[in-house]
Structure formats: C-alpha cells, structure tokens
Amino acid sequence: MKKETKNLLIIFLLLIMGTISVIFYNLYILNTKDKKVKLVTPETTQEIIEENIYRIGNIIIDKNKDEIRFSGKVAKSTGWVQFLIYVDGYKWLKDDTAIITQARLKDLQLSLALLDWKYWNDFYYEEKAENTDIKTPETKWELFIQWREGNKLKIIKSNEIVTTKDKKDLLKLHHFIFLGNPIFDQIVLSNEPANSCQGCPFFPVEEKTLRQLFKRKSGESGYEINPEVIPPLNTEINIIIKKSNLP
C-alpha cells in the first residue's frame, strides 16, 4: 500500500512539473522576437475517397467497416518494447517500439474521433457517459497486423504478438499504440521546431511523467515480443484497428 501511495505521489509531482514546464514554455514562446508562433498541431487535410471512406494523412478511415488502416514496417522482432506500434509524435518512443509507421499521432487521434467521437471523448478528455445526454454502447477495439508471406495473406491479433504477465485480454488499444496525452500534446504535436528539441528542460519531464503513467495495474510496463509470431524484420505490414460494440 505504501509503495502504491509513493508511486501516486511521484506521478502527481511529475504531472505538476510537466504542467509548470508547459506554462513556462508557452510564456517563452509568447515573448519571442517575431511573436508569430502557432501553438497548434499541423493542419490536416481530410480527403473523401468515397461515401463513408476518408483519408487523413496516411490513414484510411472506413466507416462502413468501422475500421482504420495504415501501413508500417517491422523494426524490432525480439526483446522488450514499450509499445507495439509507433506513430510519429513522441519521438523518444520510436526506439522502444516493434513496428514503425509513417502515420502521424495527430492524424490517428482525428481518425479515431471521426470513427467514434464518443470513445475519443471518454478516453482522451475523460468525459464519461453519465455526463452526457447521449448513451452509447461500450466500445471495444481490436488491433490486427496483416502482411503477405509469399502468396499468402496472413493476419494476426496484436495480443498474440506480445508476452506479458497480464491477461492478454486486458490489454487495450492504448497499450499497443500510444495515443497521446492532453498535457503534453500541445507542445509535442505542434508545428514548432522546438518539438524536437531533446535538450530542452521540458522533454525529460515529459518522458519521466509518461513512463510512470505507462505502468499497468500489475506494475508491468510494456511487454516482450514473441519472436515466433511477429513477422520478420523489415516486413511491410498493414495495421488494422477495428471497432466492435459490446452488447
């Protein structure tokens, strides 16, 4: 119990430090010479491919099938990883991820919101169903990896690729792909050169805070890759995120 209290205090203090860093960063930006700083994420073009099918950046959203698709490549096939899939955003996570993609985190956030705004509000903004007049079923997300092996098209669920002490059915979408954080996204996903400034004092705080938040109830953080299941290194793959409503 004492250990849990200590961990909560550490997380709380790191979050306070992170918030203070964000405030000082914004004050610094507002006082720069040209004053023309855009503290927002890059503009994203939403393209309509056909009815109920959209493209945001490198991501395809198919509302007919309730799914999102984008491509990637296997970058690590053994050992420990923090996440299974990396989408461009928090660059320090790239080396701790098994599959690298060209998709952007901001585009994935918009894609999930487009497919299911209620889920996104619940997850990202912590707006629970009881606070709204609209009641929707609980959303379950399934994550698949698809690739071609010779003439065969193979597909596998994400939880089969990893080894963990946790029950695999308890791992959710945000355990396989980092979906962002409201405290840090404003800076990290902005269009400013500073978002890649790894020497800035803000970034160590960001990483330390998130590393603490990545820990699951079991105390584990990340998981081991199952080398017998994951496709070989450099294999081009498709990532499929599919929505299903629980009864």
Protein backbone atom coordinates (compact mmCIF):
# COMPACT_ATOMS: atom_id res chain seq x y z
CA MET A 1 0.00 0.00 0.00
CA LYS A 2 2.84 2.38 0.90
CA LYS A 3 4.52 1.61 -2.42
CA GLU A 4 1.32 2.44 -4.34
CA THR A 5 0.95 5.72 -2.42
CA LYS A 6 4.58 6.59 -3.16
CA ASN A 7 4.08 5.88 -6.89
CA LEU A 8 0.94 8.02 -6.97
CA LEU A 9 2.82 10.88 -5.29
CA ILE A 10 5.64 10.58 -7.83
CA ILE A 11 3.18 10.67 -10.73
CA PHE A 12 1.36 13.65 -9.18
CA LEU A 13 4.60 15.59 -8.70
CA LEU A 14 5.77 14.79 -12.23
CA LEU A 15 2.43 15.95 -13.64
CA ILE A 16 2.75 19.22 -11.72
CA MET A 17 6.28 19.65 -13.09
CA GLY A 18 5.01 18.88 -16.57
CA THR A 19 2.22 21.45 -16.28
CA ILE A 20 4.66 24.10 -14.99
CA SER A 21 7.02 23.32 -17.89
CA VAL A 22 4.16 23.77 -20.37
CA ILE A 23 3.26 27.13 -18.84
CA PHE A 24 6.87 28.39 -18.92
CA TYR A 25 7.31 27.08 -22.45
CA ASN A 26 4.21 28.98 -23.62
CA LEU A 27 5.37 32.15 -21.85
CA TYR A 28 8.75 31.83 -23.53
CA ILE A 29 7.15 31.39 -26.95
CA LEU A 30 4.85 34.37 -26.42
CA ASN A 31 7.89 36.52 -25.68
CA THR A 32 9.93 35.51 -28.71
CA LYS A 33 11.00 38.21 -31.13
CA ASP A 34 8.57 37.72 -34.01
CA LYS A 35 5.55 36.86 -31.82
CA LYS A 36 4.18 34.79 -34.74
CA VAL A 37 4.16 31.40 -33.09
CA LYS A 38 1.41 28.91 -33.81
CA LEU A 39 0.92 26.68 -30.77
CA VAL A 40 -1.43 24.29 -32.54
CA THR A 41 -0.99 20.98 -34.27
CA PRO A 42 -0.25 20.93 -38.01
CA GLU A 43 -3.25 21.38 -40.26
CA THR A 44 -4.51 18.08 -41.62
CA THR A 45 -6.42 17.61 -44.84
CA GLN A 46 -9.37 15.25 -44.70
CA GLU A 47 -9.98 13.70 -48.09
CA ILE A 48 -13.23 11.95 -49.01
CA ILE A 49 -12.37 8.87 -51.09
CA GLU A 50 -15.94 7.67 -51.48
CA GLU A 51 -19.08 7.57 -49.35
CA ASN A 52 -18.12 6.97 -45.70
CA ILE A 53 -14.45 6.37 -46.60
CA TYR A 54 -11.91 9.07 -45.73
CA ARG A 55 -8.17 9.68 -45.77
CA ILE A 56 -6.42 11.71 -43.08
CA GLY A 57 -2.69 11.93 -43.79
CA ASN A 58 -1.52 8.33 -44.33
CA ILE A 59 -4.56 6.81 -42.61
CA ILE A 60 -7.70 5.40 -44.24
CA ILE A 61 -10.94 5.50 -42.24
CA ASP A 62 -13.73 3.21 -43.45
CA LYS A 63 -16.95 3.98 -41.59
CA ASN A 64 -18.78 1.23 -43.49
CA LYS A 65 -16.49 -1.39 -41.90
CA ASP A 66 -15.85 0.57 -38.68
CA GLU A 67 -12.10 0.33 -39.19
CA ILE A 68 -8.89 2.32 -39.62
CA ARG A 69 -5.96 1.19 -41.79
CA PHE A 70 -2.39 2.39 -42.24
CA SER A 71 0.93 0.81 -43.16
CA GLY A 72 4.17 0.15 -41.28
CA LYS A 73 7.36 -1.91 -41.13
CA VAL A 74 8.74 -4.32 -38.54
CA ALA A 75 11.74 -2.62 -36.87
CA LYS A 76 12.25 -4.95 -33.89
CA SER A 77 11.37 -8.64 -33.61
CA THR A 78 12.83 -9.66 -30.22
CA GLY A 79 13.18 -8.26 -26.72
CA TRP A 80 11.23 -5.71 -24.71
CA VAL A 81 9.18 -2.86 -26.17
CA GLN A 82 7.09 -0.15 -24.58
CA PHE A 83 4.53 -0.26 -27.39
CA LEU A 84 3.86 -2.50 -30.34
CA ILE A 85 3.29 0.30 -32.88
CA TYR A 86 4.86 3.74 -33.22
CA VAL A 87 3.02 6.62 -34.87
CA ASP A 88 5.01 9.81 -35.40
CA GLY A 89 4.77 12.18 -32.45
CA TYR A 90 6.67 11.41 -29.25
CA LYS A 91 9.98 10.62 -30.92
CA TRP A 92 11.74 9.16 -27.86
CA LEU A 93 9.31 6.22 -28.08
CA LYS A 94 10.49 5.19 -31.54
CA ASP A 95 13.38 3.00 -30.32
CA ASP A 96 11.10 1.22 -27.83
CA THR A 97 8.58 0.09 -30.43
CA ALA A 98 8.36 -3.03 -32.62
CA ILE A 99 6.58 -1.56 -35.67
CA ILE A 100 7.32 1.87 -37.15
CA THR A 101 4.76 3.67 -39.30
CA GLN A 102 4.63 6.83 -41.41
CA ALA A 103 1.29 7.78 -39.85
CA ARG A 104 1.19 10.77 -37.50
CA LEU A 105 -0.20 10.61 -33.99
CA LYS A 106 -2.36 13.69 -34.59
CA ASP A 107 -3.87 12.05 -37.68
CA LEU A 108 -4.61 8.89 -35.71
CA GLN A 109 -6.32 10.92 -33.00
CA LEU A 110 -8.51 12.63 -35.60
CA SER A 111 -9.23 9.28 -37.28
CA LEU A 112 -10.40 7.69 -34.02
CA ALA A 113 -12.57 10.72 -33.28
CA LEU A 114 -14.05 10.56 -36.79
CA LEU A 115 -14.87 6.88 -36.39
CA ASP A 116 -16.21 7.18 -32.82
CA TRP A 117 -16.29 10.61 -31.21
CA LYS A 118 -17.88 9.22 -28.03
CA TYR A 119 -14.99 6.82 -27.45
CA TRP A 120 -12.48 9.58 -28.05
CA ASN A 121 -14.19 11.94 -25.58
CA ASP A 122 -14.35 9.18 -22.98
CA PHE A 123 -10.74 8.15 -23.42
CA TYR A 124 -8.89 11.37 -24.18
CA TYR A 125 -10.94 14.05 -22.45
CA GLU A 126 -12.33 11.73 -19.75
CA GLU A 127 -15.89 12.81 -20.48
CA LYS A 128 -17.92 9.89 -19.15
CA ALA A 129 -21.27 8.75 -20.50
CA GLU A 130 -23.12 9.83 -17.35
CA ASN A 131 -22.13 13.44 -18.07
CA THR A 132 -23.87 13.44 -21.46
CA ASP A 133 -27.45 13.01 -22.69
CA ILE A 134 -26.38 10.51 -25.35
CA LYS A 135 -25.78 6.93 -24.23
CA THR A 136 -23.68 4.72 -26.48
CA PRO A 137 -22.54 1.10 -26.08
CA GLU A 138 -19.08 0.39 -24.69
CA THR A 139 -16.54 0.34 -27.50
CA LYS A 140 -14.08 -2.49 -27.92
CA TRP A 141 -11.17 -2.02 -30.30
CA GLU A 142 -9.37 -4.89 -31.99
CA LEU A 143 -5.91 -4.38 -33.46
CA PHE A 144 -4.64 -6.63 -36.25
CA ILE A 145 -1.34 -6.93 -38.10
CA GLN A 146 -1.61 -8.06 -41.72
CA TRP A 147 1.20 -8.97 -44.11
CA ARG A 148 1.94 -11.03 -47.20
CA GLU A 149 4.10 -14.14 -46.94
CA GLY A 150 4.70 -15.46 -50.46
CA ASN A 151 1.25 -15.82 -52.00
CA LYS A 152 -0.46 -15.96 -48.60
CA LEU A 153 -2.04 -13.01 -46.85
CA LYS A 154 -1.56 -13.50 -43.10
CA ILE A 155 -3.29 -11.68 -40.27
CA ILE A 156 -2.85 -11.86 -36.51
CA LYS A 157 -4.25 -10.11 -33.42
CA SER A 158 -1.90 -7.75 -31.61
CA ASN A 159 -2.14 -9.52 -28.25
CA GLU A 160 -0.73 -12.70 -29.82
CA ILE A 161 2.50 -10.89 -30.71
CA VAL A 162 3.38 -9.97 -27.13
CA THR A 163 4.26 -11.87 -23.96
CA THR A 164 3.18 -10.43 -20.61
CA LYS A 165 2.24 -11.44 -17.07
CA ASP A 166 -1.06 -9.63 -17.53
CA LYS A 167 -4.03 -11.41 -19.00
CA LYS A 168 -3.79 -10.61 -22.70
CA ASP A 169 -7.49 -9.83 -23.00
CA LEU A 170 -6.96 -6.95 -20.54
CA LEU A 171 -4.58 -5.17 -22.92
CA LYS A 172 -6.44 -2.42 -24.76
CA LEU A 173 -5.70 -0.29 -27.82
CA HIS A 174 -3.76 2.34 -25.83
CA HIS A 175 -1.44 -0.40 -24.51
CA PHE A 176 -0.36 -1.23 -28.09
CA ILE A 177 -0.23 2.32 -29.55
CA PHE A 178 0.49 5.46 -27.54
CA LEU A 179 -2.50 7.73 -28.29
CA GLY A 180 -1.15 10.94 -26.79
CA ASN A 181 -1.62 12.95 -23.61
CA PRO A 182 -3.64 16.19 -23.22
CA ILE A 183 -0.94 17.79 -21.03
CA PHE A 184 1.93 17.33 -23.49
CA ASP A 185 0.31 17.11 -26.94
CA GLN A 186 0.02 20.88 -27.33
CA ILE A 187 3.81 21.18 -27.48
CA VAL A 188 4.89 17.79 -28.82
CA LEU A 189 2.43 17.72 -31.73
CA SER A 190 2.76 21.40 -32.60
CA ASN A 191 4.39 22.55 -35.80
CA GLU A 192 7.28 24.25 -33.99
CA PRO A 193 10.96 23.30 -34.39
CA ALA A 194 11.18 23.12 -30.59
CA ASN A 195 9.07 19.96 -30.53
CA SER A 196 12.20 18.00 -31.48
CA CYS A 197 14.50 19.86 -29.08
CA GLN A 198 15.56 16.91 -26.94
CA GLY A 199 17.89 19.17 -24.91
CA CYS A 200 15.07 21.41 -23.69
CA PRO A 201 14.19 21.03 -19.99
CA PHE A 202 10.56 20.24 -20.83
CA PHE A 203 11.31 16.90 -22.52
CA PRO A 204 12.92 14.95 -19.65
CA VAL A 205 9.88 15.86 -17.50
CA GLU A 206 7.55 14.72 -20.26
CA GLU A 207 9.30 11.36 -20.60
CA LYS A 208 9.57 10.71 -16.84
CA THR A 209 5.91 11.53 -16.30
CA LEU A 210 4.69 9.33 -19.14
CA ARG A 211 6.97 6.43 -18.20
CA GLN A 212 5.22 6.38 -14.83
CA LEU A 213 1.78 6.54 -16.46
CA PHE A 214 2.64 3.66 -18.81
CA LYS A 215 2.72 1.24 -15.87
CA ARG A 216 -0.30 -1.03 -15.73
CA LYS A 217 -2.07 -2.19 -12.56
CA SER A 218 0.17 -5.26 -12.47
CA GLY A 219 3.24 -2.98 -12.23
CA GLU A 220 4.42 -4.04 -15.69
CA SER A 221 5.29 -1.53 -18.36
CA GLY A 222 5.46 -2.64 -21.97
CA TYR A 223 5.96 -6.31 -22.84
CA GLU A 224 8.23 -8.80 -24.59
CA ILE A 225 7.83 -9.53 -28.29
CA ASN A 226 7.05 -13.10 -29.25
CA PRO A 227 9.69 -13.72 -31.98
CA GLU A 228 7.90 -16.84 -33.20
CA VAL A 229 4.80 -14.88 -34.13
CA ILE A 230 5.86 -11.41 -35.27
CA PRO A 231 6.74 -11.07 -39.00
CA PRO A 232 10.48 -10.89 -39.87
CA LEU A 233 12.44 -7.64 -39.65
CA ASN A 234 11.67 -5.06 -42.36
CA THR A 235 8.44 -6.82 -43.35
CA GLU A 236 5.93 -4.32 -44.76
CA ILE A 237 2.66 -4.68 -42.89
CA ASN A 238 -0.84 -3.24 -42.68
CA ILE A 239 -2.23 -2.14 -39.32
CA ILE A 240 -5.98 -2.55 -38.91
CA ILE A 241 -7.88 -1.01 -36.00
CA LYS A 242 -11.43 -2.34 -35.91
CA LYS A 243 -14.31 -1.22 -33.73
CA SER A 244 -16.94 -3.51 -32.26
CA ASN A 245 -19.70 -2.61 -29.82
CA LEU A 246 -20.13 -4.85 -26.81
CA PRO A 247 -23.74 -5.91 -26.02
